[in-house]
Amino acid sequence: PQIGSVMVFKAIGSMRSGHVATVTNVVSDRIIKITHANWSVINGRRGQVERDVTVVDASPNNDWTQVKVWFAPIGKVGNRAYPVNGFIYADKVAAVAAAKVGAEG
């Protein structure tokens, strides 16, 4: 993960469309901070934006394919590991967009 990249969670039963989060800080090779919304229940409701939330790489091969995420109602990183598709990097998105424009014009 890199600051500014987007972490993409796989779609699962509790997240039928998946989930995305922006990486705001890389703490170590196994811990990052993210900004995302609609995760924790805060003040009795969902839909809140949470900034600088702790995420821990919980994958057996240290490859960010499973993560545990801070959950505000319990005040710590949750026990459940969520599957992750990977990260989208700004430089890759710009390269693909530039290639598309070049091919069209």
PDB file of N, CA and C in Angstrom:
ATOM      1  N   PRO A   1       0.823  -1.212   0.000  1.00  0.00           N
ATOM      2  CA  PRO A   1       0.000   0.000   0.000  1.00  0.00           C
ATOM      3  C   PRO A   1       0.858   1.263   0.000  1.00  0.00           C
ATOM      4  N   GLN A   2       0.312   2.296  -0.631  1.00  0.00           N
ATOM      5  CA  GLN A   2       0.955   3.609  -0.670  1.00  0.00           C
ATOM      6  C   GLN A   2      -0.059   4.664  -0.263  1.00  0.00           C
ATOM      7  N   ILE A   3       0.417   5.760   0.315  1.00  0.00           N
ATOM      8  CA  ILE A   3      -0.470   6.865   0.647  1.00  0.00           C
ATOM      9  C   ILE A   3      -1.143   7.340  -0.636  1.00  0.00           C
ATOM     10  N   GLY A   4      -2.459   7.509  -0.567  1.00  0.00           N
ATOM     11  CA  GLY A   4      -3.241   7.955  -1.713  1.00  0.00           C
ATOM     12  C   GLY A   4      -3.820   6.823  -2.543  1.00  0.00           C
ATOM     13  N   SER A   5      -3.349   5.596  -2.334  1.00  0.00           N
ATOM     14  CA  SER A   5      -3.921   4.469  -3.076  1.00  0.00           C
ATOM     15  C   SER A   5      -5.283   4.110  -2.479  1.00  0.00           C
ATOM     16  N   VAL A   6      -6.059   3.359  -3.247  1.00  0.00           N
ATOM     17  CA  VAL A   6      -7.389   2.936  -2.812  1.00  0.00           C
ATOM     18  C   VAL A   6      -7.361   1.437  -2.553  1.00  0.00           C
ATOM     19  N   MET A   7      -7.708   1.046  -1.326  1.00  0.00           N
ATOM     20  CA  MET A   7      -7.804  -0.366  -0.980  1.00  0.00           C
ATOM     21  C   MET A   7      -9.204  -0.846  -1.382  1.00  0.00           C
ATOM     22  N   VAL A   8      -9.254  -1.971  -2.100  1.00  0.00           N
ATOM     23  CA  VAL A   8     -10.519  -2.502  -2.610  1.00  0.00           C
ATOM     24  C   VAL A   8     -10.841  -3.815  -1.899  1.00  0.00           C
ATOM     25  N   PHE A   9     -11.905  -3.799  -1.111  1.00  0.00           N
ATOM     26  CA  PHE A   9     -12.369  -4.990  -0.410  1.00  0.00           C
ATOM     27  C   PHE A   9     -13.218  -5.825  -1.359  1.00  0.00           C
ATOM     28  N   LYS A  10     -13.089  -7.140  -1.268  1.00  0.00           N
ATOM     29  CA  LYS A  10     -13.912  -8.044  -2.064  1.00  0.00           C
ATOM     30  C   LYS A  10     -15.360  -8.000  -1.595  1.00  0.00           C
ATOM     31  N   ALA A  11     -16.263  -8.239  -2.508  1.00  0.00           N
ATOM     32  CA  ALA A  11     -17.674  -8.366  -2.149  1.00  0.00           C
ATOM     33  C   ALA A  11     -17.871  -9.671  -1.382  1.00  0.00           C
ATOM     34  N   ILE A  12     -18.538  -9.571  -0.242  1.00  0.00           N
ATOM     35  CA  ILE A  12     -18.891 -10.749   0.563  1.00  0.00           C
ATOM     36  C   ILE A  12     -20.318 -10.536   1.043  1.00  0.00           C
ATOM     37  N   GLY A  13     -20.862 -11.495   1.761  1.00  0.00           N
ATOM     38  CA  GLY A  13     -22.246 -11.420   2.214  1.00  0.00           C
ATOM     39  C   GLY A  13     -22.616 -10.132   2.914  1.00  0.00           C
ATOM     40  N   SER A  14     -21.771  -9.676   3.841  1.00  0.00           N
ATOM     41  CA  SER A  14     -22.088  -8.452   4.584  1.00  0.00           C
ATOM     42  C   SER A  14     -21.735  -7.184   3.813  1.00  0.00           C
ATOM     43  N   MET A  15     -20.982  -7.325   2.727  1.00  0.00           N
ATOM     44  CA  MET A  15     -20.627  -6.186   1.852  1.00  0.00           C
ATOM     45  C   MET A  15     -20.867  -6.633   0.416  1.00  0.00           C
ATOM     46  N   ARG A  16     -22.126  -6.675   0.014  1.00  0.00           N
ATOM     47  CA  ARG A  16     -22.485  -7.245  -1.280  1.00  0.00           C
ATOM     48  C   ARG A  16     -21.832  -6.534  -2.460  1.00  0.00           C
ATOM     49  N   SER A  17     -21.517  -5.269  -2.301  1.00  0.00           N
ATOM     50  CA  SER A  17     -20.864  -4.518  -3.382  1.00  0.00           C
ATOM     51  C   SER A  17     -19.384  -4.305  -3.120  1.00  0.00           C
ATOM     52  N   GLY A  18     -18.869  -4.898  -2.061  1.00  0.00           N
ATOM     53  CA  GLY A  18     -17.484  -4.651  -1.674  1.00  0.00           C
ATOM     54  C   GLY A  18     -17.389  -3.356  -0.889  1.00  0.00           C
ATOM     55  N   HIS A  19     -16.192  -2.805  -0.821  1.00  0.00           N
ATOM     56  CA  HIS A  19     -15.950  -1.589  -0.047  1.00  0.00           C
ATOM     57  C   HIS A  19     -14.642  -0.993  -0.538  1.00  0.00           C
ATOM     58  N   VAL A  20     -14.495   0.309  -0.443  1.00  0.00           N
ATOM     59  CA  VAL A  20     -13.238   0.958  -0.796  1.00  0.00           C
ATOM     60  C   VAL A  20     -12.822   1.918   0.308  1.00  0.00           C
ATOM     61  N   ALA A  21     -11.517   2.166   0.387  1.00  0.00           N
ATOM     62  CA  ALA A  21     -10.967   3.079   1.379  1.00  0.00           C
ATOM     63  C   ALA A  21      -9.691   3.691   0.825  1.00  0.00           C
ATOM     64  N   THR A  22      -9.428   4.921   1.181  1.00  0.00           N
ATOM     65  CA  THR A  22      -8.214   5.609   0.749  1.00  0.00           C
ATOM     66  C   THR A  22      -7.138   5.475   1.819  1.00  0.00           C
ATOM     67  N   VAL A  23      -5.938   5.087   1.414  1.00  0.00           N
ATOM     68  CA  VAL A  23      -4.816   4.954   2.348  1.00  0.00           C
ATOM     69  C   VAL A  23      -4.296   6.354   2.688  1.00  0.00           C
ATOM     70  N   THR A  24      -4.275   6.680   3.989  1.00  0.00           N
ATOM     71  CA  THR A  24      -3.819   8.002   4.435  1.00  0.00           C
ATOM     72  C   THR A  24      -2.444   7.975   5.080  1.00  0.00           C
ATOM     73  N   ASN A  25      -1.996   6.781   5.506  1.00  0.00           N
ATOM     74  CA  ASN A  25      -0.681   6.690   6.139  1.00  0.00           C
ATOM     75  C   ASN A  25      -0.228   5.224   6.099  1.00  0.00           C
ATOM     76  N   VAL A  26       1.052   5.020   5.913  1.00  0.00           N
ATOM     77  CA  VAL A  26       1.639   3.680   6.016  1.00  0.00           C
ATOM     78  C   VAL A  26       2.455   3.680   7.299  1.00  0.00           C
ATOM     79  N   VAL A  27       1.972   2.959   8.296  1.00  0.00           N
ATOM     80  CA  VAL A  27       2.601   2.924   9.613  1.00  0.00           C
ATOM     81  C   VAL A  27       3.768   1.946   9.625  1.00  0.00           C
ATOM     82  N   SER A  28       3.548   0.768   9.027  1.00  0.00           N
ATOM     83  CA  SER A  28       4.583  -0.270   8.941  1.00  0.00           C
ATOM     84  C   SER A  28       4.222  -1.194   7.782  1.00  0.00           C
ATOM     85  N   ASP A  29       4.973  -2.251   7.600  1.00  0.00           N
ATOM     86  CA  ASP A  29       4.668  -3.172   6.501  1.00  0.00           C
ATOM     87  C   ASP A  29       3.383  -3.956   6.741  1.00  0.00           C
ATOM     88  N   ARG A  30       2.835  -3.916   7.953  1.00  0.00           N
ATOM     89  CA  ARG A  30       1.597  -4.653   8.264  1.00  0.00           C
ATOM     90  C   ARG A  30       0.476  -3.768   8.787  1.00  0.00           C
ATOM     91  N   ILE A  31       0.716  -2.462   8.916  1.00  0.00           N
ATOM     92  CA  ILE A  31      -0.312  -1.556   9.454  1.00  0.00           C
ATOM     93  C   ILE A  31      -0.391  -0.301   8.600  1.00  0.00           C
ATOM     94  N   ILE A  32      -1.629   0.067   8.232  1.00  0.00           N
ATOM     95  CA  ILE A  32      -1.867   1.316   7.522  1.00  0.00           C
ATOM     96  C   ILE A  32      -3.010   2.056   8.197  1.00  0.00           C
ATOM     97  N   LYS A  33      -3.193   3.295   7.803  1.00  0.00           N
ATOM     98  CA  LYS A  33      -4.347   4.099   8.217  1.00  0.00           C
ATOM     99  C   LYS A  33      -5.138   4.402   6.952  1.00  0.00           C
ATOM    100  N   ILE A  34      -6.467   4.402   7.083  1.00  0.00           N
ATOM    101  CA  ILE A  34      -7.333   4.669   5.941  1.00  0.00           C
ATOM    102  C   ILE A  34      -8.390   5.699   6.310  1.00  0.00           C
ATOM    103  N   THR A  35      -9.003   6.271   5.289  1.00  0.00           N
ATOM    104  CA  THR A  35     -10.221   7.050   5.449  1.00  0.00           C
ATOM    105  C   THR A  35     -11.284   6.324   4.648  1.00  0.00           C
ATOM    106  N   HIS A  36     -12.433   6.092   5.291  1.00  0.00           N
ATOM    107  CA  HIS A  36     -13.542   5.432   4.602  1.00  0.00           C
ATOM    108  C   HIS A  36     -14.850   5.828   5.269  1.00  0.00           C
ATOM    109  N   ALA A  37     -15.958   5.357   4.718  1.00  0.00           N
ATOM    110  CA  ALA A  37     -17.279   5.695   5.267  1.00  0.00           C
ATOM    111  C   ALA A  37     -18.128   4.443   5.348  1.00  0.00           C
ATOM    112  N   ASN A  38     -19.184   4.547   6.133  1.00  0.00           N
ATOM    113  CA  ASN A  38     -20.203   3.498   6.234  1.00  0.00           C
ATOM    114  C   ASN A  38     -19.691   2.209   6.849  1.00  0.00           C
ATOM    115  N   TRP A  39     -18.725   2.280   7.731  1.00  0.00           N
ATOM    116  CA  TRP A  39     -18.190   1.066   8.357  1.00  0.00           C
ATOM    117  C   TRP A  39     -18.714   0.925   9.781  1.00  0.00           C
ATOM    118  N   SER A  40     -18.340   1.840  10.632  1.00  0.00           N
ATOM    119  CA  SER A  40     -18.734   1.777  12.044  1.00  0.00           C
ATOM    120  C   SER A  40     -20.057   2.502  12.270  1.00  0.00           C
ATOM    121  N   VAL A  41     -20.756   2.047  13.286  1.00  0.00           N
ATOM    122  CA  VAL A  41     -21.920   2.786  13.771  1.00  0.00           C
ATOM    123  C   VAL A  41     -21.377   3.831  14.742  1.00  0.00           C
ATOM    124  N   ILE A  42     -21.583   5.103  14.419  1.00  0.00           N
ATOM    125  CA  ILE A  42     -21.088   6.201  15.250  1.00  0.00           C
ATOM    126  C   ILE A  42     -22.278   7.075  15.634  1.00  0.00           C
ATOM    127  N   ASN A  43     -22.404   7.365  16.919  1.00  0.00           N
ATOM    128  CA  ASN A  43     -23.547   8.135  17.414  1.00  0.00           C
ATOM    129  C   ASN A  43     -24.868   7.528  16.965  1.00  0.00           C
ATOM    130  N   GLY A  44     -24.923   6.209  16.954  1.00  0.00           N
ATOM    131  CA  GLY A  44     -26.156   5.503  16.658  1.00  0.00           C
ATOM    132  C   GLY A  44     -26.509   5.333  15.190  1.00  0.00           C
ATOM    133  N   ARG A  45     -25.608   5.753  14.292  1.00  0.00           N
ATOM    134  CA  ARG A  45     -25.957   5.595  12.875  1.00  0.00           C
ATOM    135  C   ARG A  45     -24.729   5.349  12.014  1.00  0.00           C
ATOM    136  N   ARG A  46     -24.987   4.718  10.875  1.00  0.00           N
ATOM    137  CA  ARG A  46     -23.941   4.511   9.860  1.00  0.00           C
ATOM    138  C   ARG A  46     -23.907   5.739   8.960  1.00  0.00           C
ATOM    139  N   GLY A  47     -23.035   5.693   7.967  1.00  0.00           N
ATOM    140  CA  GLY A  47     -22.968   6.794   7.015  1.00  0.00           C
ATOM    141  C   GLY A  47     -21.926   7.830   7.386  1.00  0.00           C
ATOM    142  N   GLN A  48     -21.181   7.571   8.438  1.00  0.00           N
ATOM    143  CA  GLN A  48     -20.161   8.506   8.900  1.00  0.00           C
ATOM    144  C   GLN A  48     -18.848   8.274   8.157  1.00  0.00           C
ATOM    145  N   VAL A  49     -18.094   9.335   7.972  1.00  0.00           N
ATOM    146  CA  VAL A  49     -16.738   9.215   7.440  1.00  0.00           C
ATOM    147  C   VAL A  49     -15.801   9.051   8.633  1.00  0.00           C
ATOM    148  N   GLU A  50     -14.923   8.054   8.550  1.00  0.00           N
ATOM    149  CA  GLU A  50     -13.918   7.828   9.590  1.00  0.00           C
ATOM    150  C   GLU A  50     -12.551   8.096   8.980  1.00  0.00           C
ATOM    151  N   ARG A  51     -11.764   8.908   9.656  1.00  0.00           N
ATOM    152  CA  ARG A  51     -10.448   9.279   9.149  1.00  0.00           C
ATOM    153  C   ARG A  51      -9.340   8.617   9.970  1.00  0.00           C
ATOM    154  N   ASP A  52      -8.267   8.249   9.274  1.00  0.00           N
ATOM    155  CA  ASP A  52      -7.086   7.658   9.917  1.00  0.00           C
ATOM    156  C   ASP A  52      -7.434   6.452  10.787  1.00  0.00           C
ATOM    157  N   VAL A  53      -8.196   5.544  10.193  1.00  0.00           N
ATOM    158  CA  VAL A  53      -8.617   4.307  10.832  1.00  0.00           C
ATOM    159  C   VAL A  53      -7.509   3.264  10.665  1.00  0.00           C
ATOM    160  N   THR A  54      -7.204   2.549  11.721  1.00  0.00           N
ATOM    161  CA  THR A  54      -6.165   1.518  11.684  1.00  0.00           C
ATOM    162  C   THR A  54      -6.649   0.273  10.946  1.00  0.00           C
ATOM    163  N   VAL A  55      -5.806  -0.226  10.043  1.00  0.00           N
ATOM    164  CA  VAL A  55      -6.044  -1.478   9.330  1.00  0.00           C
ATOM    165  C   VAL A  55      -4.785  -2.321   9.472  1.00  0.00           C
ATOM    166  N   VAL A  56      -4.977  -3.597   9.800  1.00  0.00           N
ATOM    167  CA  VAL A  56      -3.862  -4.513  10.006  1.00  0.00           C
ATOM    168  C   VAL A  56      -3.911  -5.617   8.954  1.00  0.00           C
ATOM    169  N   ASP A  57      -2.781  -5.864   8.321  1.00  0.00           N
ATOM    170  CA  ASP A  57      -2.670  -6.981   7.376  1.00  0.00           C
ATOM    171  C   ASP A  57      -2.775  -8.278   8.172  1.00  0.00           C
ATOM    172  N   ALA A  58      -3.824  -9.047   7.888  1.00  0.00           N
ATOM    173  CA  ALA A  58      -4.043 -10.302   8.606  1.00  0.00           C
ATOM    174  C   ALA A  58      -3.824 -11.512   7.706  1.00  0.00           C
ATOM    175  N   SER A  59      -3.254 -11.282   6.538  1.00  0.00           N
ATOM    176  CA  SER A  59      -3.049 -12.379   5.587  1.00  0.00           C
ATOM    177  C   SER A  59      -1.888 -13.260   6.034  1.00  0.00           C
ATOM    178  N   PRO A  60      -2.014 -14.574   5.832  1.00  0.00           N
ATOM    179  CA  PRO A  60      -0.951 -15.487   6.260  1.00  0.00           C
ATOM    180  C   PRO A  60       0.373 -15.270   5.531  1.00  0.00           C
ATOM    181  N   ASN A  61       0.322 -14.730   4.305  1.00  0.00           N
ATOM    182  CA  ASN A  61       1.552 -14.525   3.517  1.00  0.00           C
ATOM    183  C   ASN A  61       2.019 -13.070   3.499  1.00  0.00           C
ATOM    184  N   ASN A  62       1.482 -12.261   4.402  1.00  0.00           N
ATOM    185  CA  ASN A  62       1.859 -10.836   4.470  1.00  0.00           C
ATOM    186  C   ASN A  62       1.665 -10.126   3.132  1.00  0.00           C
ATOM    187  N   ASP A  63       0.547 -10.411   2.446  1.00  0.00           N
ATOM    188  CA  ASP A  63       0.341  -9.839   1.112  1.00  0.00           C
ATOM    189  C   ASP A  63      -0.914  -8.974   0.995  1.00  0.00           C
ATOM    190  N   TRP A  64      -1.498  -8.592   2.110  1.00  0.00           N
ATOM    191  CA  TRP A  64      -2.656  -7.697   2.149  1.00  0.00           C
ATOM    192  C   TRP A  64      -3.895  -8.283   1.464  1.00  0.00           C
ATOM    193  N   THR A  65      -4.026  -9.599   1.424  1.00  0.00           N
ATOM    194  CA  THR A  65      -5.225 -10.206   0.857  1.00  0.00           C
ATOM    195  C   THR A  65      -6.332 -10.362   1.898  1.00  0.00           C
ATOM    196  N   GLN A  66      -5.998 -10.161   3.172  1.00  0.00           N
ATOM    197  CA  GLN A  66      -6.976 -10.174   4.260  1.00  0.00           C
ATOM    198  C   GLN A  66      -6.564  -9.099   5.267  1.00  0.00           C
ATOM    199  N   VAL A  67      -7.557  -8.349   5.741  1.00  0.00           N
ATOM    200  CA  VAL A  67      -7.251  -7.298   6.709  1.00  0.00           C
ATOM    201  C   VAL A  67      -8.262  -7.288   7.849  1.00  0.00           C
ATOM    202  N   LYS A  68      -7.807  -6.764   8.973  1.00  0.00           N
ATOM    203  CA  LYS A  68      -8.681  -6.482  10.103  1.00  0.00           C
ATOM    204  C   LYS A  68      -8.753  -4.967  10.242  1.00  0.00           C
ATOM    205  N   VAL A  69      -9.946  -4.461  10.515  1.00  0.00           N
ATOM    206  CA  VAL A  69     -10.208  -3.016  10.490  1.00  0.00           C
ATOM    207  C   VAL A  69     -10.690  -2.535  11.853  1.00  0.00           C
ATOM    208  N   TRP A  70     -10.227  -1.340  12.249  1.00  0.00           N
ATOM    209  CA  TRP A  70     -10.686  -0.687  13.470  1.00  0.00           C
ATOM    210  C   TRP A  70     -12.204  -0.578  13.405  1.00  0.00           C
ATOM    211  N   PHE A  71     -12.879  -0.895  14.515  1.00  0.00           N
ATOM    212  CA  PHE A  71     -14.332  -0.820  14.583  1.00  0.00           C
ATOM    213  C   PHE A  71     -14.699   0.029  15.788  1.00  0.00           C
ATOM    214  N   ALA A  72     -15.211   1.231  15.550  1.00  0.00           N
ATOM    215  CA  ALA A  72     -15.459   2.220  16.599  1.00  0.00           C
ATOM    216  C   ALA A  72     -16.303   1.706  17.772  1.00  0.00           C
ATOM    217  N   PRO A  73     -17.385   0.940  17.531  1.00  0.00           N
ATOM    218  CA  PRO A  73     -18.202   0.520  18.674  1.00  0.00           C
ATOM    219  C   PRO A  73     -17.458  -0.316  19.720  1.00  0.00           C
ATOM    220  N   ILE A  74     -16.407  -1.023  19.312  1.00  0.00           N
ATOM    221  CA  ILE A  74     -15.650  -1.810  20.293  1.00  0.00           C
ATOM    222  C   ILE A  74     -14.325  -1.143  20.674  1.00  0.00           C
ATOM    223  N   GLY A  75     -13.979  -0.064  19.964  1.00  0.00           N
ATOM    224  CA  GLY A  75     -12.777   0.700  20.301  1.00  0.00           C
ATOM    225  C   GLY A  75     -11.466   0.002  20.012  1.00  0.00           C
ATOM    226  N   LYS A  76     -11.481  -0.905  19.030  1.00  0.00           N
ATOM    227  CA  LYS A  76     -10.247  -1.596  18.659  1.00  0.00           C
ATOM    228  C   LYS A  76     -10.408  -2.231  17.282  1.00  0.00           C
ATOM    229  N   VAL A  77      -9.319  -2.830  16.796  1.00  0.00           N
ATOM    230  CA  VAL A  77      -9.375  -3.577  15.543  1.00  0.00           C
ATOM    231  C   VAL A  77     -10.233  -4.814  15.779  1.00  0.00           C
ATOM    232  N   GLY A  78     -11.150  -5.064  14.858  1.00  0.00           N
ATOM    233  CA  GLY A  78     -12.046  -6.202  15.007  1.00  0.00           C
ATOM    234  C   GLY A  78     -11.343  -7.539  14.835  1.00  0.00           C
ATOM    235  N   ASN A  79     -12.025  -8.605  15.195  1.00  0.00           N
ATOM    236  CA  ASN A  79     -11.468  -9.958  15.095  1.00  0.00           C
ATOM    237  C   ASN A  79     -11.625 -10.563  13.708  1.00  0.00           C
ATOM    238  N   ARG A  80     -12.583 -10.059  12.933  1.00  0.00           N
ATOM    239  CA  ARG A  80     -12.870 -10.637  11.622  1.00  0.00           C
ATOM    240  C   ARG A  80     -11.894 -10.129  10.570  1.00  0.00           C
ATOM    241  N   ALA A  81     -11.390 -11.033   9.756  1.00  0.00           N
ATOM    242  CA  ALA A  81     -10.517 -10.658   8.640  1.00  0.00           C
ATOM    243  C   ALA A  81     -11.370 -10.552   7.380  1.00  0.00           C
ATOM    244  N   TYR A  82     -11.225  -9.447   6.664  1.00  0.00           N
ATOM    245  CA  TYR A  82     -11.975  -9.196   5.435  1.00  0.00           C
ATOM    246  C   TYR A  82     -11.072  -9.401   4.227  1.00  0.00           C
ATOM    247  N   PRO A  83     -11.581 -10.048   3.179  1.00  0.00           N
ATOM    248  CA  PRO A  83     -10.769 -10.258   1.980  1.00  0.00           C
ATOM    249  C   PRO A  83     -10.609  -8.970   1.177  1.00  0.00           C
ATOM    250  N   VAL A  84      -9.416  -8.786   0.619  1.00  0.00           N
ATOM    251  CA  VAL A  84      -9.095  -7.590  -0.157  1.00  0.00           C
ATOM    252  C   VAL A  84      -8.631  -8.009  -1.549  1.00  0.00           C
ATOM    253  N   ASN A  85      -9.143  -7.306  -2.574  1.00  0.00           N
ATOM    254  CA  ASN A  85      -8.704  -7.557  -3.953  1.00  0.00           C
ATOM    255  C   ASN A  85      -7.327  -6.975  -4.216  1.00  0.00           C
ATOM    256  N   GLY A  86      -7.016  -5.860  -3.570  1.00  0.00           N
ATOM    257  CA  GLY A  86      -5.735  -5.208  -3.781  1.00  0.00           C
ATOM    258  C   GLY A  86      -5.874  -3.706  -3.656  1.00  0.00           C
ATOM    259  N   PHE A  87      -4.938  -2.987  -4.279  1.00  0.00           N
ATOM    260  CA  PHE A  87      -4.886  -1.529  -4.202  1.00  0.00           C
ATOM    261  C   PHE A  87      -4.876  -0.937  -5.602  1.00  0.00           C
ATOM    262  N   ILE A  88      -5.518   0.207  -5.738  1.00  0.00           N
ATOM    263  CA  ILE A  88      -5.477   0.974  -6.981  1.00  0.00           C
ATOM    264  C   ILE A  88      -4.542   2.146  -6.714  1.00  0.00           C
ATOM    265  N   TYR A  89      -3.543   2.291  -7.564  1.00  0.00           N
ATOM    266  CA  TYR A  89      -2.545   3.343  -7.394  1.00  0.00           C
ATOM    267  C   TYR A  89      -2.773   4.456  -8.390  1.00  0.00           C
ATOM    268  N   ALA A  90      -2.637   5.695  -7.947  1.00  0.00           N
ATOM    269  CA  ALA A  90      -2.905   6.862  -8.790  1.00  0.00           C
ATOM    270  C   ALA A  90      -2.078   6.846 -10.068  1.00  0.00           C
ATOM    271  N   ASP A  91      -0.816   6.454 -10.003  1.00  0.00           N
ATOM    272  CA  ASP A  91       0.020   6.462 -11.201  1.00  0.00           C
ATOM    273  C   ASP A  91      -0.469   5.440 -12.223  1.00  0.00           C
ATOM    274  N   LYS A  92      -1.037   4.335 -11.770  1.00  0.00           N
ATOM    275  CA  LYS A  92      -1.578   3.324 -12.683  1.00  0.00           C
ATOM    276  C   LYS A  92      -2.847   3.852 -13.347  1.00  0.00           C
ATOM    277  N   VAL A  93      -3.712   4.512 -12.576  1.00  0.00           N
ATOM    278  CA  VAL A  93      -4.950   5.065 -13.116  1.00  0.00           C
ATOM    279  C   VAL A  93      -4.631   6.131 -14.157  1.00  0.00           C
ATOM    280  N   ALA A  94      -3.669   6.993 -13.876  1.00  0.00           N
ATOM    281  CA  ALA A  94      -3.286   8.044 -14.822  1.00  0.00           C
ATOM    282  C   ALA A  94      -2.734   7.435 -16.102  1.00  0.00           C
ATOM    283  N   ALA A  95      -1.936   6.385 -15.988  1.00  0.00           N
ATOM    284  CA  ALA A  95      -1.356   5.734 -17.159  1.00  0.00           C
ATOM    285  C   ALA A  95      -2.438   5.106 -18.030  1.00  0.00           C
ATOM    286  N   VAL A  96      -3.416   4.455 -17.408  1.00  0.00           N
ATOM    287  CA  VAL A  96      -4.506   3.835 -18.163  1.00  0.00           C
ATOM    288  C   VAL A  96      -5.350   4.910 -18.839  1.00  0.00           C
ATOM    289  N   ALA A  97      -5.653   5.995 -18.124  1.00  0.00           N
ATOM    290  CA  ALA A  97      -6.449   7.082 -18.694  1.00  0.00           C
ATOM    291  C   ALA A  97      -5.724   7.724 -19.882  1.00  0.00           C
ATOM    292  N   ALA A  98      -4.418   7.942 -19.750  1.00  0.00           N
ATOM    293  CA  ALA A  98      -3.645   8.541 -20.830  1.00  0.00           C
ATOM    294  C   ALA A  98      -3.611   7.624 -22.049  1.00  0.00           C
ATOM    295  N   ALA A  99      -3.487   6.334 -21.818  1.00  0.00           N
ATOM    296  CA  ALA A  99      -3.467   5.370 -22.913  1.00  0.00           C
ATOM    297  C   ALA A  99      -4.807   5.362 -23.644  1.00  0.00           C
ATOM    298  N   LYS A 100      -5.886   5.468 -22.880  1.00  0.00           N
ATOM    299  CA  LYS A 100      -7.229   5.491 -23.465  1.00  0.00           C
ATOM    300  C   LYS A 100      -7.416   6.725 -24.343  1.00  0.00           C
ATOM    301  N   VAL A 101      -7.013   7.878 -23.835  1.00  0.00           N
ATOM    302  CA  VAL A 101      -7.144   9.128 -24.592  1.00  0.00           C
ATOM    303  C   VAL A 101      -6.305   9.052 -25.861  1.00  0.00           C
ATOM    304  N   GLY A 102      -5.095   8.516 -25.755  1.00  0.00           N
ATOM    305  CA  GLY A 102      -4.216   8.376 -26.913  1.00  0.00           C
ATOM    306  C   GLY A 102      -4.818   7.465 -27.974  1.00  0.00           C
ATOM    307  N   ALA A 103      -5.480   6.416 -27.537  1.00  0.00           N
ATOM    308  CA  ALA A 103      -6.086   5.451 -28.477  1.00  0.00           C
ATOM    309  C   ALA A 103      -7.308   6.039 -29.165  1.00  0.00           C
ATOM    310  N   GLU A 104      -7.978   6.974 -28.513  1.00  0.00           N
ATOM    311  CA  GLU A 104      -9.194   7.562 -29.072  1.00  0.00           C
ATOM    312  C   GLU A 104      -8.888   8.695 -30.039  1.00  0.00           C
ATOM    313  N   GLY A 105      -7.710   9.291 -29.906  1.00  0.00           N
ATOM    314  CA  GLY A 105      -7.546  10.505 -30.642  1.00  0.00           C
ATOM    315  C   GLY A 105      -6.525  10.590 -31.652  1.00  0.00           C
TER     316      GLY A 105
END
